[in-house]
Protein backbone atom coordinates (compact mmCIF):
# COMPACT_ATOMS: atom_id res chain seq x y z
CA MET A 1 2.80 -7.71 28.39
CA LYS A 2 6.55 -8.18 28.82
CA GLU A 3 8.61 -10.05 26.24
CA THR A 4 8.06 -13.77 26.77
CA ILE A 5 9.88 -16.74 25.26
CA LEU A 6 7.59 -19.73 24.90
CA PRO A 7 8.87 -23.24 24.05
CA LEU A 8 7.11 -24.59 20.98
CA TRP A 9 7.10 -28.18 22.14
CA LYS A 10 6.66 -30.03 25.43
CA ASP A 11 9.84 -32.03 24.78
CA SER A 12 12.51 -30.00 26.61
CA ALA A 13 15.20 -31.38 24.31
CA ILE A 14 13.74 -29.35 21.43
CA GLU A 15 15.15 -25.81 21.62
CA SER A 16 12.65 -24.22 19.20
CA ASN A 17 10.77 -21.30 20.72
CA LEU A 18 8.49 -18.38 20.03
CA THR A 19 9.26 -14.90 21.33
CA ILE A 20 6.15 -12.89 22.13
CA CYS A 21 7.36 -9.31 21.82
CA ALA A 22 6.42 -6.81 24.53
CA HIS A 23 3.16 -4.88 24.22
CA PRO A 24 0.74 -3.06 26.57
CA GLU A 25 -1.59 -5.42 28.45
CA LYS A 26 -4.74 -3.41 27.60
CA ASP A 27 -3.80 -2.61 24.02
CA SER A 28 -6.34 -3.25 21.26
CA ARG A 29 -6.23 -6.34 19.07
CA ARG A 30 -3.90 -6.14 16.12
CA PRO A 31 -2.83 -8.19 13.12
CA ALA A 32 0.23 -10.35 13.81
CA VAL A 33 3.60 -10.59 12.07
CA LEU A 34 5.74 -13.64 12.83
CA VAL A 35 9.36 -12.76 12.02
CA VAL A 36 11.51 -15.64 10.73
CA PRO A 37 15.24 -14.83 10.45
CA GLY A 38 17.46 -16.43 7.83
CA GLY A 39 20.68 -18.41 8.18
CA GLY A 40 20.72 -20.95 5.37
CA TYR A 41 18.91 -23.57 7.50
CA GLY A 42 22.22 -23.74 9.37
CA GLY A 43 21.60 -20.96 11.88
CA VAL A 44 19.04 -18.34 12.94
CA CYS A 45 20.24 -14.71 12.51
CA ARG A 46 18.03 -13.24 15.21
CA SER A 47 20.17 -10.17 16.02
CA THR A 48 20.04 -8.87 12.43
CA GLU A 49 16.86 -10.35 10.91
CA GLY A 50 14.79 -10.86 14.04
CA ASP A 51 14.67 -8.19 16.75
CA PRO A 52 15.06 -5.10 14.49
CA ILE A 53 12.37 -6.37 12.13
CA ALA A 54 9.93 -7.11 14.95
CA GLU A 55 10.48 -3.64 16.41
CA CYS A 56 9.87 -2.05 13.00
CA PHE A 57 6.58 -3.88 12.40
CA SER A 58 5.44 -3.15 15.94
CA LYS A 59 5.73 0.56 15.14
CA LEU A 60 3.69 -0.06 11.98
CA GLY A 61 0.76 -1.32 14.05
CA PHE A 62 1.31 -5.10 14.27
CA ARG A 63 1.62 -7.51 17.17
CA THR A 64 5.03 -9.10 16.60
CA PHE A 65 6.61 -12.48 17.29
CA ILE A 66 10.02 -13.99 16.51
CA LEU A 67 10.58 -17.64 15.64
CA HIS A 68 13.66 -19.63 16.68
CA TYR A 69 13.43 -22.82 14.65
CA ARG A 70 15.43 -26.01 14.27
CA VAL A 71 18.27 -26.00 11.74
CA SER A 72 20.97 -28.42 10.56
CA PRO A 73 21.63 -31.12 11.64
CA HIS A 74 17.82 -31.14 11.97
CA ARG A 75 16.13 -31.79 8.61
CA PHE A 76 12.73 -31.51 7.01
CA PRO A 77 10.07 -31.60 8.35
CA GLU A 78 11.35 -30.21 11.65
CA PRO A 79 11.82 -26.51 10.66
CA GLN A 80 8.43 -26.60 8.92
CA GLN A 81 6.84 -28.20 11.98
CA ASP A 82 8.21 -25.34 14.06
CA ILE A 83 6.77 -22.50 11.97
CA LEU A 84 3.37 -24.17 11.58
CA ARG A 85 3.22 -24.83 15.31
CA ALA A 86 4.09 -21.16 15.98
CA ILE A 87 1.26 -19.97 13.72
CA ARG A 88 -1.22 -22.28 15.45
CA LEU A 89 -0.09 -21.05 18.89
CA ILE A 90 -0.54 -17.41 17.85
CA ARG A 91 -4.08 -18.13 16.72
CA TYR A 92 -4.90 -20.23 19.76
CA HIS A 93 -3.74 -17.50 22.14
CA ALA A 94 -5.20 -14.68 20.01
CA GLU A 95 -7.42 -13.27 22.75
CA GLU A 96 -4.71 -13.45 25.41
CA TRP A 97 -2.06 -11.92 23.12
CA ASN A 98 -4.39 -9.31 21.54
CA VAL A 99 -4.10 -10.74 18.04
CA ILE A 100 -6.65 -10.86 15.20
CA PRO A 101 -6.44 -14.60 14.42
CA GLU A 102 -7.58 -14.23 10.81
CA GLN A 103 -4.76 -11.75 10.11
CA VAL A 104 -1.48 -13.54 10.79
CA ALA A 105 1.42 -12.81 8.42
CA VAL A 106 4.86 -14.39 8.32
CA CYS A 107 7.96 -12.35 7.43
CA GLY A 108 11.03 -14.32 6.40
CA PHE A 109 14.54 -13.55 5.19
CA SER A 110 16.65 -15.68 2.84
CA ALA A 111 16.22 -19.30 4.05
CA GLY A 112 13.71 -17.92 6.55
CA GLY A 113 11.81 -16.79 3.46
CA HIS A 114 11.82 -20.37 2.21
CA LEU A 115 10.46 -21.50 5.56
CA CYS A 116 7.69 -18.87 5.43
CA ALA A 117 6.88 -19.78 1.83
CA SER A 118 6.73 -23.46 2.87
CA ALA A 119 4.08 -22.50 5.43
CA GLY A 120 2.14 -20.48 2.87
CA ILE A 121 2.43 -22.86 -0.08
CA ILE A 122 2.89 -26.46 1.16
CA PRO A 123 1.55 -26.57 4.75
CA ASP A 124 -0.25 -29.84 4.03
CA ASP A 125 3.08 -31.57 3.32
CA VAL A 126 3.77 -31.48 7.06
CA GLU A 127 1.86 -33.93 9.22
CA VAL A 128 0.38 -32.44 12.38
CA VAL A 129 1.13 -34.52 15.46
CA PRO A 130 -1.30 -33.12 18.07
CA GLU A 131 0.28 -31.97 21.32
CA ASP A 132 -2.56 -29.90 22.70
CA ALA A 133 -5.67 -27.92 21.75
CA ALA A 134 -3.61 -25.36 19.79
CA ASP A 135 -2.95 -27.97 17.11
CA ALA A 136 -6.61 -27.84 16.07
CA MET A 137 -6.02 -24.29 14.73
CA PRO A 138 -5.31 -23.66 11.02
CA SER A 139 -1.61 -23.34 10.25
CA ARG A 140 -1.42 -21.64 6.84
CA PRO A 141 -0.55 -17.93 7.27
CA ASP A 142 -2.88 -15.27 5.89
CA ALA A 143 0.00 -13.50 4.14
CA MET A 144 3.71 -13.83 3.48
CA ILE A 145 6.38 -11.13 3.46
CA LEU A 146 9.36 -12.64 1.67
CA CYS A 147 12.65 -10.77 1.79
CA TYR A 148 15.33 -11.94 -0.68
CA PRO A 149 13.89 -15.45 -0.19
CA VAL A 150 15.38 -18.80 -1.09
CA ILE A 151 12.72 -20.34 -3.35
CA THR A 152 14.07 -22.48 -6.18
CA SER A 153 16.24 -25.59 -6.03
CA GLY A 154 16.89 -25.37 -9.77
CA LYS A 155 19.38 -23.34 -11.81
CA TYR A 156 19.34 -20.32 -9.46
CA ALA A 157 19.37 -22.27 -6.19
CA HIS A 158 21.14 -21.40 -2.99
CA SER A 159 22.13 -25.06 -2.75
CA GLY A 160 23.52 -24.77 0.78
CA SER A 161 20.07 -24.06 2.19
CA PHE A 162 18.55 -27.12 0.53
CA LYS A 163 21.45 -29.37 1.59
CA ASN A 164 21.00 -28.22 5.19
CA LEU A 165 17.25 -28.76 4.98
CA LEU A 166 17.34 -32.20 3.32
CA GLY A 167 20.70 -33.74 4.27
CA LYS A 168 21.23 -37.12 2.60
CA GLU A 169 17.95 -36.75 0.72
CA TYR A 170 19.08 -33.54 -1.03
CA SER A 171 19.50 -35.03 -4.52
CA LYS A 172 16.41 -37.18 -4.26
CA ARG A 173 13.98 -34.58 -2.87
CA LYS A 174 15.29 -31.10 -3.77
CA ARG A 175 12.80 -30.69 -6.63
CA GLU A 176 9.97 -31.25 -4.15
CA PHE A 177 11.02 -28.13 -2.21
CA SER A 178 11.49 -25.85 -5.22
CA LEU A 179 8.49 -23.81 -4.16
CA GLU A 180 7.83 -21.98 -7.43
CA THR A 181 6.70 -25.39 -8.74
CA ARG A 182 4.30 -25.91 -5.84
CA VAL A 183 2.20 -22.72 -6.06
CA THR A 184 -1.56 -23.20 -6.40
CA LYS A 185 -4.52 -20.86 -6.25
CA GLU A 186 -4.75 -21.75 -2.53
CA SER A 187 -1.27 -20.37 -1.74
CA ALA A 188 -1.05 -17.45 0.67
CA PRO A 189 -0.80 -13.89 -0.76
CA ALA A 190 2.75 -12.55 -0.80
CA PHE A 191 4.74 -9.33 -0.65
CA ILE A 192 8.16 -10.10 -2.16
CA TRP A 193 11.32 -8.03 -2.48
CA HIS A 194 14.83 -8.70 -3.73
CA THR A 195 17.88 -6.90 -5.13
CA VAL A 196 19.33 -7.46 -8.60
CA GLU A 197 22.87 -7.51 -7.19
CA ASP A 198 22.17 -10.36 -4.74
CA GLN A 199 24.86 -12.94 -5.54
CA ALA A 200 24.11 -15.35 -2.70
CA VAL A 201 20.42 -15.88 -3.51
CA PRO A 202 19.85 -14.76 -7.12
CA VAL A 203 16.95 -12.43 -7.84
CA GLU A 204 15.47 -15.12 -10.09
CA ASN A 205 14.22 -16.83 -6.91
CA SER A 206 11.71 -14.03 -6.40
CA LEU A 207 10.98 -13.61 -10.11
CA LEU A 208 10.13 -17.30 -10.51
CA LEU A 209 7.84 -17.23 -7.48
CA ALA A 210 6.05 -14.08 -8.64
CA GLU A 211 5.51 -15.57 -12.09
CA ALA A 212 4.07 -18.75 -10.59
CA MET A 213 1.74 -16.67 -8.42
CA ARG A 214 0.62 -14.61 -11.40
CA LYS A 215 -0.20 -17.75 -13.38
CA ASN A 216 -2.20 -19.17 -10.47
CA GLY A 217 -4.06 -15.97 -9.65
CA VAL A 218 -2.47 -15.50 -6.22
CA VAL A 219 -2.47 -11.92 -4.96
CA HIS A 220 1.12 -10.69 -4.71
CA GLU A 221 3.30 -7.60 -4.91
CA LEU A 222 6.90 -7.74 -6.16
CA HIS A 223 9.65 -5.13 -5.64
CA ILE A 224 13.01 -5.49 -7.36
CA PHE A 225 15.66 -2.99 -6.22
CA PRO A 226 18.61 -2.40 -8.58
CA HIS A 227 21.40 -2.25 -6.01
CA GLY A 228 22.33 -3.94 -2.76
CA PRO A 229 23.96 -7.24 -1.76
CA HIS A 230 22.33 -10.19 -0.05
CA GLY A 231 21.10 -9.59 3.48
CA MET A 232 19.95 -5.96 3.25
CA GLN A 233 17.60 -6.43 6.23
CA LEU A 234 15.88 -3.04 6.80
CA GLY A 235 17.79 -1.44 3.93
CA TYR A 236 20.17 0.52 6.14
CA GLY A 237 21.77 3.33 4.14
CA ARG A 238 19.53 2.81 1.10
CA ALA A 239 16.70 5.30 0.67
CA ASP A 240 14.90 2.96 -1.75
CA ILE A 241 15.21 -0.37 0.04
CA SER A 242 14.48 1.13 3.45
CA GLN A 243 10.92 1.82 2.23
CA TRP A 244 10.01 -1.87 2.07
CA PRO A 245 8.49 -2.26 5.57
CA GLY A 246 6.03 0.57 4.91
CA GLN A 247 5.24 -0.85 1.50
CA ALA A 248 4.65 -4.29 3.01
CA ALA A 249 2.39 -2.77 5.66
CA ALA A 250 0.43 -0.98 2.92
CA PHE A 251 0.05 -4.32 1.12
CA LEU A 252 -1.37 -5.94 4.27
CA TYR A 253 -3.59 -3.01 5.29
CA GLY A 254 -4.66 -1.93 1.84
CA THR A 255 -4.56 -4.82 -0.62
CA LEU A 256 -5.43 -7.56 1.88
CA GLY A 257 -7.62 -5.52 4.21
CA PHE A 258 -5.76 -6.19 7.46
CA HIS A 259 -7.22 -4.05 10.24
CA ARG A 260 -5.23 -1.05 11.45
CA ALA A 261 -6.07 -1.10 15.14
CA ASP A 262 -4.08 1.88 16.39
CA PRO A 263 -5.83 5.25 16.44
CA PRO A 264 -3.34 7.72 14.93
CA GLU A 265 -1.69 10.42 17.00
CA TYR A 266 -3.91 12.86 15.12
CA ARG A 267 -6.77 12.26 12.71
CA ARG A 268 -5.31 12.03 9.24
CA THR A 269 -6.74 14.23 6.50
CA VAL A 270 -6.76 13.77 2.73
CA VAL A 271 -7.83 16.35 0.13
CA LEU A 272 -9.50 14.72 -2.89
CA THR A 273 -9.50 16.43 -6.29
CA PHE A 274 -10.91 15.37 -9.67
CA ASP A 275 -10.10 16.92 -13.06
CA ASP A 276 -11.78 17.49 -16.41
CA ALA A 277 -15.55 17.25 -15.66
CA CYS A 278 -15.92 13.58 -16.57
CA LYS A 279 -19.44 12.18 -16.61
CA SER A 280 -18.29 9.45 -14.23
CA HIS A 281 -17.73 12.07 -11.51
CA LEU A 282 -21.48 12.32 -11.08
CA GLU A 283 -22.40 8.74 -11.95
CA THR A 284 -19.71 6.81 -10.04
CA VAL A 285 -17.65 9.08 -7.80
CA ALA A 286 -20.23 11.31 -6.11
CA PRO A 287 -22.51 8.51 -4.79
CA LEU A 288 -19.54 6.72 -3.22
CA LEU A 289 -18.21 9.91 -1.62
CA LYS A 290 -21.64 10.69 -0.19
CA LYS A 291 -21.93 7.14 1.15
CA TYR A 292 -18.80 7.66 3.23
CA GLY A 293 -19.43 11.31 4.10
CA PHE A 294 -16.43 12.48 2.07
CA ASN A 295 -15.97 15.84 0.33
CA ALA A 296 -13.90 16.72 -2.74
CA THR A 297 -13.03 19.39 -5.27
CA PHE A 298 -14.03 18.88 -8.92
CA PHE A 299 -11.93 20.99 -11.29
CA VAL A 300 -13.87 21.88 -14.43
CA CYS A 301 -12.65 22.63 -17.93
CA LEU A 302 -14.57 22.40 -21.19
CA PHE A 303 -11.71 22.02 -23.70
CA THR A 304 -11.87 23.35 -27.28
CA ASP A 305 -15.19 23.52 -29.14
CA GLU A 306 -14.15 20.84 -31.62
CA TRP A 307 -12.93 18.42 -28.94
CA ARG A 308 -15.96 19.07 -26.73
CA LYS A 309 -18.46 18.35 -29.53
CA LYS A 310 -16.67 15.08 -30.28
CA ASN A 311 -16.65 13.92 -26.64
CA GLU A 312 -19.69 15.69 -25.23
CA LYS A 313 -21.39 12.48 -24.10
CA TYR A 314 -18.50 11.77 -21.71
CA LEU A 315 -18.46 15.25 -20.16
CA LEU A 316 -20.66 16.80 -17.50
CA SER A 317 -23.16 19.39 -18.69
CA GLY A 318 -23.84 22.62 -16.82
CA PRO A 319 -26.94 21.22 -15.06
CA GLU A 320 -25.01 18.08 -14.08
CA LEU A 321 -22.21 20.19 -12.61
CA LYS A 322 -24.92 22.04 -10.68
CA GLN A 323 -26.01 18.70 -9.24
CA LEU A 324 -22.48 18.10 -7.97
CA SER A 325 -22.40 21.58 -6.46
CA ASP A 326 -25.80 21.10 -4.81
CA MET A 327 -24.51 17.87 -3.25
CA GLY A 328 -21.98 20.00 -1.36
CA PHE A 329 -18.91 19.39 -3.50
CA GLU A 330 -16.58 22.24 -4.43
CA ILE A 331 -16.39 23.18 -8.11
CA GLY A 332 -12.99 24.61 -9.04
CA ASN A 333 -11.65 26.42 -12.10
CA HIS A 334 -9.44 24.42 -14.49
CA THR A 335 -9.73 26.98 -17.37
CA TRP A 336 -12.02 26.84 -20.38
CA ASN A 337 -9.76 25.31 -23.04
CA HIS A 338 -7.08 23.55 -20.93
CA PRO A 339 -4.14 25.52 -22.44
CA ASP A 340 -0.51 25.78 -21.31
CA LEU A 341 -0.75 28.98 -19.27
CA LYS A 342 2.98 29.62 -19.49
CA LYS A 343 2.51 30.40 -23.19
CA LEU A 344 -0.39 32.84 -22.74
CA SER A 345 -0.55 36.59 -22.20
CA ASP A 346 -2.35 38.06 -19.17
CA ASP A 347 -5.35 38.88 -21.34
CA GLU A 348 -5.52 35.34 -22.70
CA ILE A 349 -5.31 33.89 -19.20
CA SER A 350 -8.06 36.27 -18.07
CA LYS A 351 -10.28 35.07 -20.89
CA GLU A 352 -9.75 31.43 -19.87
CA ILE A 353 -10.71 32.17 -16.25
CA GLU A 354 -13.65 34.44 -17.10
CA SER A 355 -15.13 32.04 -19.67
CA LEU A 356 -15.26 29.20 -17.17
CA ASN A 357 -16.50 31.41 -14.34
CA ASP A 358 -19.29 32.78 -16.55
CA PHE A 359 -20.31 29.26 -17.54
CA LEU A 360 -20.51 28.22 -13.88
CA LYS A 361 -22.43 31.37 -12.94
CA GLN A 362 -24.98 30.72 -15.69
CA ASN A 363 -25.61 27.32 -14.11
CA GLY A 364 -26.01 28.65 -10.58
CA ILE A 365 -22.62 27.44 -9.34
CA PRO A 366 -20.61 29.61 -6.89
CA GLU A 367 -17.53 31.41 -8.19
CA PRO A 368 -14.47 29.22 -7.61
CA VAL A 369 -11.79 29.93 -5.02
CA SER A 370 -9.59 26.98 -6.07
CA PHE A 371 -7.70 26.53 -9.33
CA ALA A 372 -5.80 23.69 -11.01
CA TYR A 373 -3.12 24.41 -13.59
CA PRO A 374 -3.96 22.72 -16.91
CA GLY A 375 -1.59 19.83 -17.50
CA GLY A 376 -0.22 20.28 -14.00
CA PRO A 377 2.92 22.45 -14.19
CA TYR A 378 3.15 25.61 -12.11
CA ALA A 379 2.77 28.77 -14.22
CA GLU A 380 4.26 31.66 -12.26
CA ASN A 381 3.20 34.20 -14.90
CA ALA A 382 -0.46 33.32 -14.27
CA VAL A 383 -0.43 33.90 -10.51
CA PRO A 384 -1.27 37.65 -10.53
CA VAL A 385 -4.20 37.00 -12.88
CA LEU A 386 -5.50 34.14 -10.74
CA LYS A 387 -5.42 36.31 -7.64
CA LYS A 388 -7.25 39.09 -9.50
CA TYR A 389 -10.19 36.71 -9.95
CA GLY A 390 -10.31 35.84 -6.26
CA LEU A 391 -8.63 32.45 -6.58
CA ILE A 392 -6.98 31.70 -3.23
CA THR A 393 -5.12 28.51 -4.03
CA ALA A 394 -3.88 26.68 -7.12
CA ARG A 395 -2.93 23.01 -7.46
CA THR A 396 0.03 21.76 -9.48
CA THR A 397 1.04 18.14 -10.12
CA GLU A 398 4.32 18.54 -8.24
CA ASN A 399 4.41 15.43 -6.08
CA GLY A 400 4.29 15.59 -2.29
CA PRO A 401 2.02 16.45 0.65
CA TRP A 402 0.60 19.96 1.15
CA ASN A 403 1.97 22.02 4.03
CA LEU A 404 -0.36 24.98 3.96
CA LYS A 405 1.69 27.06 6.40
CA LYS A 406 5.03 26.61 4.66
CA GLN A 407 4.20 26.31 0.95
CA ASP A 408 2.98 28.86 -1.57
CA LEU A 409 -0.82 28.70 -1.76
CA MET A 410 -0.55 29.17 -5.51
CA ARG A 411 1.74 26.15 -5.84
CA VAL A 412 0.02 23.27 -4.05
CA PRO A 413 1.59 19.83 -4.68
CA CYS A 414 -0.42 16.65 -5.14
CA THR A 415 -0.16 12.97 -6.08
CA PRO A 416 -1.63 12.26 -9.54
CA LEU A 417 -3.05 8.74 -9.81
CA GLN A 418 -3.52 6.73 -12.96
CA LYS A 419 -3.83 3.15 -14.16
CA ASP A 420 -4.91 1.81 -10.74
CA ASN A 421 -1.55 2.60 -9.16
CA LYS A 422 -2.22 1.17 -5.71
CA LEU A 423 1.30 1.66 -4.40
CA ALA A 424 1.21 5.38 -5.24
CA PHE A 425 -2.14 5.78 -3.47
CA TYR A 426 -1.16 4.00 -0.27
CA HIS A 427 2.19 5.73 -0.18
CA ALA A 428 0.55 9.13 -0.67
CA VAL A 429 -2.11 8.79 2.02
CA SER A 430 0.46 7.59 4.57
CA SER A 431 3.10 10.19 3.68
CA GLY A 432 1.72 13.29 5.39
CA LYS A 433 3.23 14.17 8.76
CA LYS A 434 1.46 16.35 11.30
CA GLY A 435 0.75 19.67 9.62
CA GLU A 436 0.82 18.11 6.14
CA VAL A 437 -2.12 16.93 4.03
CA PRO A 438 -1.87 14.63 1.00
CA VAL A 439 -3.73 16.02 -2.02
CA ILE A 440 -4.84 13.25 -4.40
CA LEU A 441 -5.64 13.84 -8.07
CA PHE A 442 -7.98 11.51 -9.96
CA HIS A 443 -9.39 11.99 -13.43
CA GLY A 444 -12.29 9.84 -14.62
CA VAL A 445 -13.56 6.76 -12.77
CA PRO A 446 -13.46 5.52 -15.43
CA ASP A 447 -12.01 8.04 -17.90
CA ILE A 448 -13.25 7.05 -21.35
CA VAL A 449 -11.49 9.76 -23.36
CA HIS A 450 -8.22 9.98 -21.40
CA ASP A 451 -7.37 6.31 -20.99
CA TRP A 452 -3.82 7.04 -19.77
CA VAL A 453 -5.20 8.62 -16.58
CA ASN A 454 -8.07 6.19 -16.10
CA THR A 455 -8.99 4.77 -12.68
CA SER A 456 -11.23 1.72 -12.58
CA PRO A 457 -14.39 1.95 -10.44
CA GLU A 458 -13.35 -1.21 -8.56
CA CYS A 459 -9.96 0.21 -7.60
CA PHE A 460 -11.45 3.59 -6.67
CA ALA A 461 -14.02 1.88 -4.44
CA ALA A 462 -11.22 -0.02 -2.68
CA PHE A 463 -9.33 3.24 -2.11
CA MET A 464 -12.35 4.96 -0.60
CA LYS A 465 -13.15 1.99 1.64
CA TYR A 466 -9.57 2.04 2.90
CA LEU A 467 -9.86 5.74 3.80
CA TYR A 468 -13.16 5.13 5.56
CA ASP A 469 -12.02 2.00 7.41
CA ASN A 470 -8.91 3.80 8.64
CA ASP A 471 -10.78 6.92 9.82
CA TYR A 472 -9.35 9.49 7.41
CA ARG A 473 -11.03 12.87 7.05
CA VAL A 474 -11.59 13.38 3.33
CA ILE A 475 -12.22 17.01 2.37
CA SER A 476 -12.11 19.56 -0.45
CA MET A 477 -9.49 22.24 -1.00
CA LYS A 478 -12.00 24.95 -0.07
CA GLN A 479 -12.88 23.16 3.16
CA TYR A 480 -9.19 23.00 4.09
CA LEU A 481 -8.83 26.73 3.39
CA GLN A 482 -11.90 27.47 5.51
CA GLU A 483 -10.57 25.43 8.43
CA ASN A 484 -7.42 27.52 8.36
CA GLY A 485 -9.20 30.88 8.15
CA LEU A 486 -8.22 31.57 4.54
CA CYS A 487 -11.64 31.47 2.95
């Protein structure tokens, strides 16, 4: 479908319109992002906060639209009528435009952010005057992406935006449009970002909105970047700010469950690893992995005798580890006592490896080919000993995806997860390029004795569902070695 500009209203004197961005006629249905440029309610900055944004979100898997709305001398409710009408049109034409009507997000900048937030927070303040069948559709968006948004009319207001929106009624009605005061539990979920150095629209606008959403239990994600003036758009020249579109997409796909319609260029692969032989690996993790047909590597250590006796009820026994192995999961070596290998002699390292291997052998578990450095740091001195015991690969906690053909097999990077860090998970699983595989490290689900690396069962279940829904291959380290002829 070629780019089409559709008037919002039958009255030809109203210049408001909706751009339907180009997409293949036979393409699959996708979630929609309606891009709403800023301009202080005095203009519409389409060239900077419209077309480039729509192109970016199109590449991220969304059907994109751009709104041209009425601005000063037009006043409330006319801009709000325009955005709500645009949302209804997108839903009404969902089949024709290949849109998932229950997954329509708005993405606004500065005053465009205020307009998007108006749609997501106070849509019922705008009376619907029916023009056609489209006006029977719901008008509240399913999500908001708010970029350095105008929100408050109080101490930190961008007063020019409110004066343009309200005209002569500015003093009388400005409090009514201070949207942080209007949030309810029914408000749309939001991804919000701002910069501390923004002098035009102070960062407090986003902070106040996020706080109101937190108090009302509205799902939201807030990113505050330390540097950058107002109007950073796609974050050109800033390695940190330029990440926001991908982070917003992860919020929609992951946190809110928007459907990723595009099959990837190649089937994405994730290697799952679990450390420390937690009881929850068998009770919580394994059943969920089997449900989805996933594989994983479980790295075993037994810790010191004193510590093990104290915490034995939270650790897997030999027979329980055998159950994991019999289910098809790889059991890897994580040493016996979990020491810092860099401080040990070759003989001491050998004893750590042998003790764990003997324990596994006694329980009918195959000798490991994968190793994980205790504590995570690479121990170069241990490499010759590890190879002597037939260990082919060793995982560190050095962050990044695994490129098997370019990186040292005895220095495999990974992404350690803890405390339900959703952003780290979604960033990790989307970070691998062709030829690279993200390696994810979990501990217990939950981890009773190592609370600082705990993952809640609810969060873990959401992660696994995301991988399944988005057609990831989830495998063990040994399986990846086997596929590449190394094992």
